[in-house]
Amino acid sequence: VRNFYVQFYTPISCSSRSHRIIQLDNGMLVLLISNPAEKVTSCALSVATGSHNDPKEILGLAHFCEHMILSAGSKSYPDLNAYHNVISKNGGSQNAFTTGEQTTFCFELPNLSNSDELVFDKVLDIFSSSFKKPLFNELLVNKEIYAINSEHTANKSSRDKIFYHATRLLANGDHPFSQFSTGDITTLSDMLQLNKVDLRTEVMKYFKNNFYAENMCLCIKGPQSLNTLAKLVFSKFNDIKGLPTSRPL
C-alpha cells in the first residue's frame, strides 16, 4: 500500500475528521475519512466508465451493467440481491448511478453498537466481491431490462430530463454524448434479438474491459481509525484485478 501525504483543508465543523489517501497494490486509489463522532459508516466506489463507452449497437449497456453488478450475485455470494437484502435488514441504504464517464455505487449503515462493525465488514465483503467475480445471473437479465425501461418511461415526464436529452440532440453527432444513454427495452432487448446478440455476453465483456482497479476510486468514511479503515480496505479490495493485459482498441 502506498500512502499519499496530502494536506486537507476542512471547515471548523469538520475538525474532528482525519483523512488519508492511499493506493493499493493493484492501483486502486482510496480516500479514508475517520470521524469518531460519525453516526454512519459509508462507502462509495466510482469507476471511470459510463454511457460514453456504450457500443452504438447496444445503447444503455453501461447503465445495464450498473443495475446487474450488485444484484445478480458473485462467485462468493451467488444469491440474487444478497447485497441489497443485508443492507435493508440492518437499516442501511444504497444507491448507484451512471453518467457519461462515471459509474458510482454507494451504501451506508448506521452505527448503533459494536456489532455494527461486523455488519459493515460483511456488507463490504459482499460489495467488493461483486467487482471481482460477478455472475451476471441470467435470471435477472429481463427483470433489469424492464427496470431500466421503467426509468426511461419516467424520464419522459421529467422536464429536466427532456431538456438534457434536447442538449444531446444538439451535440456533435460524432461525440458519444449525443447517444441515448439510459437504454430501454428496444436498445437492450428488441434490437439485440433482431441482430442475434446476447446481452449477458456483452455486459460481461464490458465489465472485463472497464472494471479494473486502476480505473476505480474508493472512499470509506466511519468512526474507525484511519489504520483500521486502511486494513479493512486492503483485505477487501486489494485483490480486484488490475489493468487487462489485452484490451480492445
C-alpha atoms as a PDB file:
ATOM      1  CA  VAL A   1       0.000   0.000   0.000  1.00  0.00           C
ATOM      2  CA  ARG A   2       1.284   3.455  -0.923  1.00  0.00           C
ATOM      3  CA  ASN A   3       0.433   6.465   1.276  1.00  0.00           C
ATOM      4  CA  PHE A   4      -0.004   9.960  -0.173  1.00  0.00           C
ATOM      5  CA  TYR A   5       0.737  12.749   2.280  1.00  0.00           C
ATOM      6  CA  VAL A   6      -1.796  15.397   1.299  1.00  0.00           C
ATOM      7  CA  GLN A   7      -2.791  18.378   3.439  1.00  0.00           C
ATOM      8  CA  PHE A   8      -6.575  18.617   3.747  1.00  0.00           C
ATOM      9  CA  TYR A   9      -8.227  21.951   4.420  1.00  0.00           C
ATOM     10  CA  THR A  10     -11.506  21.407   6.263  1.00  0.00           C
ATOM     11  CA  PRO A  11     -14.000  23.771   7.923  1.00  0.00           C
ATOM     12  CA  ILE A  12     -14.129  24.008  11.719  1.00  0.00           C
ATOM     13  CA  SER A  13     -17.360  21.995  11.685  1.00  0.00           C
ATOM     14  CA  CYS A  14     -15.371  19.038  10.305  1.00  0.00           C
ATOM     15  CA  SER A  15     -12.319  19.477  12.524  1.00  0.00           C
ATOM     16  CA  SER A  16     -12.913  16.090  14.174  1.00  0.00           C
ATOM     17  CA  ARG A  17     -12.250  14.321  10.897  1.00  0.00           C
ATOM     18  CA  SER A  18      -8.911  12.909   9.792  1.00  0.00           C
ATOM     19  CA  HIS A  19      -8.115  11.940   6.218  1.00  0.00           C
ATOM     20  CA  ARG A  20      -5.701   9.754   4.314  1.00  0.00           C
ATOM     21  CA  ILE A  21      -5.207   8.919   0.657  1.00  0.00           C
ATOM     22  CA  ILE A  22      -3.675   5.544  -0.176  1.00  0.00           C
ATOM     23  CA  GLN A  23      -3.106   3.490  -3.307  1.00  0.00           C
ATOM     24  CA  LEU A  24      -3.495  -0.265  -3.110  1.00  0.00           C
ATOM     25  CA  ASP A  25      -1.023  -2.644  -4.723  1.00  0.00           C
ATOM     26  CA  ASN A  26      -3.451  -3.221  -7.615  1.00  0.00           C
ATOM     27  CA  GLY A  27      -3.546   0.514  -8.417  1.00  0.00           C
ATOM     28  CA  MET A  28      -6.877   1.467  -6.835  1.00  0.00           C
ATOM     29  CA  LEU A  29      -6.917   4.956  -5.306  1.00  0.00           C
ATOM     30  CA  VAL A  30      -8.641   5.203  -1.897  1.00  0.00           C
ATOM     31  CA  LEU A  31      -9.733   8.106   0.316  1.00  0.00           C
ATOM     32  CA  LEU A  32     -10.194   7.252   4.001  1.00  0.00           C
ATOM     33  CA  ILE A  33     -12.158   9.531   6.344  1.00  0.00           C
ATOM     34  CA  SER A  34     -12.174   8.856  10.094  1.00  0.00           C
ATOM     35  CA  ASN A  35     -14.541  10.687  12.429  1.00  0.00           C
ATOM     36  CA  PRO A  36     -15.154   9.273  15.937  1.00  0.00           C
ATOM     37  CA  ALA A  37     -18.472  11.178  16.080  1.00  0.00           C
ATOM     38  CA  GLU A  38     -19.758   9.675  12.822  1.00  0.00           C
ATOM     39  CA  LYS A  39     -23.181   8.046  13.206  1.00  0.00           C
ATOM     40  CA  VAL A  40     -22.985   6.050   9.965  1.00  0.00           C
ATOM     41  CA  THR A  41     -20.286   4.080   8.173  1.00  0.00           C
ATOM     42  CA  SER A  42     -20.370   4.601   4.435  1.00  0.00           C
ATOM     43  CA  CYS A  43     -18.639   3.501   1.277  1.00  0.00           C
ATOM     44  CA  ALA A  44     -18.628   4.754  -2.314  1.00  0.00           C
ATOM     45  CA  LEU A  45     -16.822   3.338  -5.322  1.00  0.00           C
ATOM     46  CA  SER A  46     -16.594   5.150  -8.664  1.00  0.00           C
ATOM     47  CA  VAL A  47     -15.453   3.562 -11.914  1.00  0.00           C
ATOM     48  CA  ALA A  48     -14.193   5.753 -14.751  1.00  0.00           C
ATOM     49  CA  THR A  49     -16.581   4.363 -17.333  1.00  0.00           C
ATOM     50  CA  GLY A  50     -20.137   5.166 -18.329  1.00  0.00           C
ATOM     51  CA  SER A  51     -22.530   5.614 -21.217  1.00  0.00           C
ATOM     52  CA  HIS A  52     -19.843   7.221 -23.393  1.00  0.00           C
ATOM     53  CA  ASN A  53     -18.351   3.723 -23.560  1.00  0.00           C
ATOM     54  CA  ASP A  54     -21.583   2.184 -24.854  1.00  0.00           C
ATOM     55  CA  PRO A  55     -21.176   0.490 -28.237  1.00  0.00           C
ATOM     56  CA  LYS A  56     -23.512   2.147 -30.739  1.00  0.00           C
ATOM     57  CA  GLU A  57     -25.336  -1.136 -31.271  1.00  0.00           C
ATOM     58  CA  ILE A  58     -26.103  -1.554 -27.504  1.00  0.00           C
ATOM     59  CA  LEU A  59     -27.090   1.845 -26.106  1.00  0.00           C
ATOM     60  CA  GLY A  60     -27.633   1.659 -22.362  1.00  0.00           C
ATOM     61  CA  LEU A  61     -25.100  -1.125 -21.784  1.00  0.00           C
ATOM     62  CA  ALA A  62     -23.215   0.801 -19.071  1.00  0.00           C
ATOM     63  CA  HIS A  63     -26.477   1.535 -17.261  1.00  0.00           C
ATOM     64  CA  PHE A  64     -27.471  -2.120 -17.538  1.00  0.00           C
ATOM     65  CA  CYS A  65     -24.120  -3.167 -16.050  1.00  0.00           C
ATOM     66  CA  GLU A  66     -24.732  -0.829 -13.098  1.00  0.00           C
ATOM     67  CA  HIS A  67     -28.100  -2.497 -12.472  1.00  0.00           C
ATOM     68  CA  MET A  68     -26.733  -6.031 -12.721  1.00  0.00           C
ATOM     69  CA  ILE A  69     -23.434  -5.917 -10.912  1.00  0.00           C
ATOM     70  CA  LEU A  70     -24.688  -5.727  -7.308  1.00  0.00           C
ATOM     71  CA  SER A  71     -27.953  -7.616  -7.843  1.00  0.00           C
ATOM     72  CA  ALA A  72     -27.043 -10.657  -9.913  1.00  0.00           C
ATOM     73  CA  GLY A  73     -24.681 -12.371  -7.467  1.00  0.00           C
ATOM     74  CA  SER A  74     -20.956 -13.096  -7.320  1.00  0.00           C
ATOM     75  CA  LYS A  75     -18.880 -16.239  -7.014  1.00  0.00           C
ATOM     76  CA  SER A  76     -18.584 -15.739  -3.235  1.00  0.00           C
ATOM     77  CA  TYR A  77     -22.220 -14.652  -2.769  1.00  0.00           C
ATOM     78  CA  PRO A  78     -24.312 -16.263  -5.529  1.00  0.00           C
ATOM     79  CA  ASP A  79     -27.724 -15.428  -4.033  1.00  0.00           C
ATOM     80  CA  LEU A  80     -29.613 -12.799  -6.003  1.00  0.00           C
ATOM     81  CA  ASN A  81     -29.880  -9.426  -4.213  1.00  0.00           C
ATOM     82  CA  ALA A  82     -27.723 -10.599  -1.260  1.00  0.00           C
ATOM     83  CA  TYR A  83     -26.164  -7.111  -1.101  1.00  0.00           C
ATOM     84  CA  HIS A  84     -29.484  -5.252  -1.092  1.00  0.00           C
ATOM     85  CA  ASN A  85     -31.087  -7.634   1.386  1.00  0.00           C
ATOM     86  CA  VAL A  86     -28.391  -7.416   4.076  1.00  0.00           C
ATOM     87  CA  ILE A  87     -28.296  -3.609   3.846  1.00  0.00           C
ATOM     88  CA  SER A  88     -32.080  -3.363   4.149  1.00  0.00           C
ATOM     89  CA  LYS A  89     -32.136  -5.837   7.051  1.00  0.00           C
ATOM     90  CA  ASN A  90     -29.677  -3.690   9.010  1.00  0.00           C
ATOM     91  CA  GLY A  91     -31.379  -0.341   8.424  1.00  0.00           C
ATOM     92  CA  GLY A  92     -28.935   0.934   5.821  1.00  0.00           C
ATOM     93  CA  SER A  93     -29.390   2.479   2.405  1.00  0.00           C
ATOM     94  CA  GLN A  94     -27.732   2.115  -1.004  1.00  0.00           C
ATOM     95  CA  ASN A  95     -27.734   3.758  -4.402  1.00  0.00           C
ATOM     96  CA  ALA A  96     -25.964   3.739  -7.759  1.00  0.00           C
ATOM     97  CA  PHE A  97     -25.893   5.898 -10.875  1.00  0.00           C
ATOM     98  CA  THR A  98     -24.342   6.042 -14.327  1.00  0.00           C
ATOM     99  CA  THR A  99     -23.202   9.185 -16.141  1.00  0.00           C
ATOM    100  CA  GLY A 100     -21.331   9.613 -19.386  1.00  0.00           C
ATOM    101  CA  GLU A 101     -17.909   8.939 -17.887  1.00  0.00           C
ATOM    102  CA  GLN A 102     -18.627   7.534 -14.428  1.00  0.00           C
ATOM    103  CA  THR A 103     -20.455   4.674 -12.716  1.00  0.00           C
ATOM    104  CA  THR A 104     -20.807   5.016  -8.943  1.00  0.00           C
ATOM    105  CA  PHE A 105     -22.064   2.636  -6.249  1.00  0.00           C
ATOM    106  CA  CYS A 106     -22.568   3.669  -2.606  1.00  0.00           C
ATOM    107  CA  PHE A 107     -24.077   2.481   0.654  1.00  0.00           C
ATOM    108  CA  GLU A 108     -24.223   3.439   4.317  1.00  0.00           C
ATOM    109  CA  LEU A 109     -25.060   1.660   7.562  1.00  0.00           C
ATOM    110  CA  PRO A 110     -25.977   3.117  10.961  1.00  0.00           C
ATOM    111  CA  ASN A 111     -23.581   2.786  13.885  1.00  0.00           C
ATOM    112  CA  LEU A 112     -25.646   1.597  16.832  1.00  0.00           C
ATOM    113  CA  SER A 113     -23.420  -0.895  18.643  1.00  0.00           C
ATOM    114  CA  ASN A 114     -20.080  -2.676  18.438  1.00  0.00           C
ATOM    115  CA  SER A 115     -21.695  -5.447  16.390  1.00  0.00           C
ATOM    116  CA  ASP A 116     -22.302  -2.960  13.579  1.00  0.00           C
ATOM    117  CA  GLU A 117     -18.619  -3.124  12.661  1.00  0.00           C
ATOM    118  CA  LEU A 118     -19.149  -6.808  11.887  1.00  0.00           C
ATOM    119  CA  VAL A 119     -22.182  -5.938   9.764  1.00  0.00           C
ATOM    120  CA  PHE A 120     -20.184  -3.340   7.834  1.00  0.00           C
ATOM    121  CA  ASP A 121     -17.404  -5.880   7.321  1.00  0.00           C
ATOM    122  CA  LYS A 122     -19.972  -8.343   5.916  1.00  0.00           C
ATOM    123  CA  VAL A 123     -21.585  -5.807   3.582  1.00  0.00           C
ATOM    124  CA  LEU A 124     -18.190  -4.611   2.398  1.00  0.00           C
ATOM    125  CA  ASP A 125     -17.218  -8.209   1.639  1.00  0.00           C
ATOM    126  CA  ILE A 126     -20.370  -8.728  -0.445  1.00  0.00           C
ATOM    127  CA  PHE A 127     -19.863  -5.336  -2.115  1.00  0.00           C
ATOM    128  CA  SER A 128     -16.220  -5.919  -3.048  1.00  0.00           C
ATOM    129  CA  SER A 129     -16.861  -9.471  -4.266  1.00  0.00           C
ATOM    130  CA  SER A 130     -19.184  -8.086  -6.939  1.00  0.00           C
ATOM    131  CA  PHE A 131     -16.223  -6.290  -8.528  1.00  0.00           C
ATOM    132  CA  LYS A 132     -14.039  -9.410  -8.521  1.00  0.00           C
ATOM    133  CA  LYS A 133     -16.119 -12.244  -9.949  1.00  0.00           C
ATOM    134  CA  PRO A 134     -19.696 -11.141 -10.662  1.00  0.00           C
ATOM    135  CA  LEU A 135     -22.026 -13.822 -12.008  1.00  0.00           C
ATOM    136  CA  PHE A 136     -24.401 -11.626 -14.031  1.00  0.00           C
ATOM    137  CA  ASN A 137     -27.050 -14.274 -13.346  1.00  0.00           C
ATOM    138  CA  GLU A 138     -29.203 -14.750 -16.417  1.00  0.00           C
ATOM    139  CA  LEU A 139     -32.337 -14.994 -14.250  1.00  0.00           C
ATOM    140  CA  LEU A 140     -32.073 -11.248 -13.564  1.00  0.00           C
ATOM    141  CA  VAL A 141     -31.462 -10.019 -17.112  1.00  0.00           C
ATOM    142  CA  ASN A 142     -35.062  -9.461 -18.168  1.00  0.00           C
ATOM    143  CA  LYS A 143     -36.039  -8.000 -14.788  1.00  0.00           C
ATOM    144  CA  GLU A 144     -33.331  -5.330 -15.020  1.00  0.00           C
ATOM    145  CA  ILE A 145     -34.171  -4.565 -18.657  1.00  0.00           C
ATOM    146  CA  TYR A 146     -37.736  -3.796 -17.591  1.00  0.00           C
ATOM    147  CA  ALA A 147     -36.469  -1.751 -14.619  1.00  0.00           C
ATOM    148  CA  ILE A 148     -34.356   0.366 -16.971  1.00  0.00           C
ATOM    149  CA  ASN A 149     -37.273   0.697 -19.383  1.00  0.00           C
ATOM    150  CA  SER A 150     -39.413   1.967 -16.492  1.00  0.00           C
ATOM    151  CA  GLU A 151     -36.753   4.576 -15.683  1.00  0.00           C
ATOM    152  CA  HIS A 152     -36.790   5.718 -19.289  1.00  0.00           C
ATOM    153  CA  THR A 153     -40.585   5.971 -19.262  1.00  0.00           C
ATOM    154  CA  ALA A 154     -40.460   8.089 -16.084  1.00  0.00           C
ATOM    155  CA  ASN A 155     -37.771  10.319 -17.621  1.00  0.00           C
ATOM    156  CA  LYS A 156     -40.170  11.240 -20.422  1.00  0.00           C
ATOM    157  CA  SER A 157     -42.320  13.177 -17.940  1.00  0.00           C
ATOM    158  CA  SER A 158     -39.363  14.974 -16.311  1.00  0.00           C
ATOM    159  CA  ARG A 159     -38.738  18.473 -17.664  1.00  0.00           C
ATOM    160  CA  ASP A 160     -35.074  18.370 -16.634  1.00  0.00           C
ATOM    161  CA  LYS A 161     -34.555  15.039 -18.406  1.00  0.00           C
ATOM    162  CA  ILE A 162     -36.294  16.333 -21.521  1.00  0.00           C
ATOM    163  CA  PHE A 163     -34.044  19.408 -21.663  1.00  0.00           C
ATOM    164  CA  TYR A 164     -30.990  17.244 -21.044  1.00  0.00           C
ATOM    165  CA  HIS A 165     -31.954  14.965 -23.927  1.00  0.00           C
ATOM    166  CA  ALA A 166     -32.523  18.028 -26.128  1.00  0.00           C
ATOM    167  CA  THR A 167     -28.930  19.075 -25.354  1.00  0.00           C
ATOM    168  CA  ARG A 168     -27.796  15.663 -26.552  1.00  0.00           C
ATOM    169  CA  LEU A 169     -29.666  16.139 -29.818  1.00  0.00           C
ATOM    170  CA  LEU A 170     -27.875  19.454 -30.364  1.00  0.00           C
ATOM    171  CA  ALA A 171     -24.448  17.936 -29.682  1.00  0.00           C
ATOM    172  CA  ASN A 172     -21.916  16.798 -32.258  1.00  0.00           C
ATOM    173  CA  GLY A 173     -23.265  13.547 -33.677  1.00  0.00           C
ATOM    174  CA  ASP A 174     -19.773  12.054 -33.719  1.00  0.00           C
ATOM    175  CA  HIS A 175     -19.373  12.500 -29.950  1.00  0.00           C
ATOM    176  CA  PRO A 176     -20.739   9.783 -27.620  1.00  0.00           C
ATOM    177  CA  PHE A 177     -22.564  12.469 -25.593  1.00  0.00           C
ATOM    178  CA  SER A 178     -25.113  12.605 -28.410  1.00  0.00           C
ATOM    179  CA  GLN A 179     -26.041   8.951 -27.889  1.00  0.00           C
ATOM    180  CA  PHE A 180     -29.126   7.750 -25.999  1.00  0.00           C
ATOM    181  CA  SER A 181     -27.587   6.765 -22.670  1.00  0.00           C
ATOM    182  CA  THR A 182     -30.347   5.346 -20.459  1.00  0.00           C
ATOM    183  CA  GLY A 183     -31.304   2.391 -22.606  1.00  0.00           C
ATOM    184  CA  ASP A 184     -34.782   0.882 -22.933  1.00  0.00           C
ATOM    185  CA  ILE A 185     -36.448  -2.331 -23.995  1.00  0.00           C
ATOM    186  CA  THR A 186     -35.734  -1.518 -27.650  1.00  0.00           C
ATOM    187  CA  THR A 187     -31.963  -0.985 -27.323  1.00  0.00           C
ATOM    188  CA  LEU A 188     -31.397  -3.692 -24.708  1.00  0.00           C
ATOM    189  CA  SER A 189     -33.759  -6.382 -25.969  1.00  0.00           C
ATOM    190  CA  ASP A 190     -35.636  -5.960 -29.250  1.00  0.00           C
ATOM    191  CA  MET A 191     -32.680  -4.808 -31.365  1.00  0.00           C
ATOM    192  CA  LEU A 192     -30.333  -7.391 -29.830  1.00  0.00           C
ATOM    193  CA  GLN A 193     -32.755 -10.234 -30.533  1.00  0.00           C
ATOM    194  CA  LEU A 194     -33.098  -8.988 -34.105  1.00  0.00           C
ATOM    195  CA  ASN A 195     -29.304  -8.988 -34.533  1.00  0.00           C
ATOM    196  CA  LYS A 196     -28.826 -12.221 -32.511  1.00  0.00           C
ATOM    197  CA  VAL A 197     -26.675 -10.537 -29.866  1.00  0.00           C
ATOM    198  CA  ASP A 198     -26.581 -11.968 -26.335  1.00  0.00           C
ATOM    199  CA  LEU A 199     -26.819  -9.135 -23.786  1.00  0.00           C
ATOM    200  CA  ARG A 200     -25.305 -11.133 -20.913  1.00  0.00           C
ATOM    201  CA  THR A 201     -22.226 -11.945 -23.001  1.00  0.00           C
ATOM    202  CA  GLU A 202     -21.831  -8.291 -23.978  1.00  0.00           C
ATOM    203  CA  VAL A 203     -22.166  -6.957 -20.431  1.00  0.00           C
ATOM    204  CA  MET A 204     -19.528  -9.434 -19.252  1.00  0.00           C
ATOM    205  CA  LYS A 205     -17.174  -8.135 -21.955  1.00  0.00           C
ATOM    206  CA  TYR A 206     -17.931  -4.561 -20.939  1.00  0.00           C
ATOM    207  CA  PHE A 207     -17.182  -5.362 -17.292  1.00  0.00           C
ATOM    208  CA  LYS A 208     -13.903  -7.090 -18.129  1.00  0.00           C
ATOM    209  CA  ASN A 209     -12.667  -4.167 -20.238  1.00  0.00           C
ATOM    210  CA  ASN A 210     -13.670  -1.344 -17.869  1.00  0.00           C
ATOM    211  CA  PHE A 211     -13.992  -2.568 -14.269  1.00  0.00           C
ATOM    212  CA  TYR A 212     -10.371  -2.917 -13.189  1.00  0.00           C
ATOM    213  CA  ALA A 213      -8.576  -1.496 -10.164  1.00  0.00           C
ATOM    214  CA  GLU A 214      -6.655   1.348 -11.831  1.00  0.00           C
ATOM    215  CA  ASN A 215      -9.969   2.600 -13.217  1.00  0.00           C
ATOM    216  CA  MET A 216     -11.586   2.791  -9.754  1.00  0.00           C
ATOM    217  CA  CYS A 217     -11.610   5.238  -6.850  1.00  0.00           C
ATOM    218  CA  LEU A 218     -12.923   4.237  -3.426  1.00  0.00           C
ATOM    219  CA  CYS A 219     -13.982   6.333  -0.434  1.00  0.00           C
ATOM    220  CA  ILE A 220     -14.799   4.955   3.020  1.00  0.00           C
ATOM    221  CA  LYS A 221     -15.951   7.059   5.971  1.00  0.00           C
ATOM    222  CA  GLY A 222     -16.638   5.922   9.527  1.00  0.00           C
ATOM    223  CA  PRO A 223     -15.788   6.222  13.223  1.00  0.00           C
ATOM    224  CA  GLN A 224     -12.940   3.704  12.923  1.00  0.00           C
ATOM    225  CA  SER A 225      -9.317   4.870  12.999  1.00  0.00           C
ATOM    226  CA  LEU A 226      -7.519   5.501   9.710  1.00  0.00           C
ATOM    227  CA  ASN A 227      -5.327   2.446  10.303  1.00  0.00           C
ATOM    228  CA  THR A 228      -8.377   0.244  10.867  1.00  0.00           C
ATOM    229  CA  LEU A 229     -10.051   1.561   7.715  1.00  0.00           C
ATOM    230  CA  ALA A 230      -6.856   1.014   5.720  1.00  0.00           C
ATOM    231  CA  LYS A 231      -6.595  -2.607   6.875  1.00  0.00           C
ATOM    232  CA  LEU A 232     -10.248  -3.173   6.032  1.00  0.00           C
ATOM    233  CA  VAL A 233      -9.851  -1.747   2.542  1.00  0.00           C
ATOM    234  CA  PHE A 234      -6.694  -3.752   1.886  1.00  0.00           C
ATOM    235  CA  SER A 235      -8.355  -7.018   2.924  1.00  0.00           C
ATOM    236  CA  LYS A 236     -11.414  -6.455   0.720  1.00  0.00           C
ATOM    237  CA  PHE A 237     -10.219  -4.610  -2.376  1.00  0.00           C
ATOM    238  CA  ASN A 238      -6.525  -5.326  -2.927  1.00  0.00           C
ATOM    239  CA  ASP A 239      -7.273  -8.462  -4.958  1.00  0.00           C
ATOM    240  CA  ILE A 240      -9.541  -6.767  -7.502  1.00  0.00           C
ATOM    241  CA  LYS A 241      -7.942  -7.381 -10.883  1.00  0.00           C
ATOM    242  CA  GLY A 242      -5.705  -4.760 -12.412  1.00  0.00           C
ATOM    243  CA  LEU A 243      -5.460  -3.411 -15.937  1.00  0.00           C
ATOM    244  CA  PRO A 244      -6.413  -6.099 -18.511  1.00  0.00           C
ATOM    245  CA  THR A 245      -3.386  -7.338 -20.438  1.00  0.00           C
ATOM    246  CA  SER A 246      -5.303  -7.147 -23.691  1.00  0.00           C
ATOM    247  CA  ARG A 247      -7.981  -4.547 -24.309  1.00  0.00           C
ATOM    248  CA  PRO A 248      -9.911  -3.724 -27.493  1.00  0.00           C
ATOM    249  CA  LEU A 249      -8.743  -0.645 -29.384  1.00  0.00           C
END
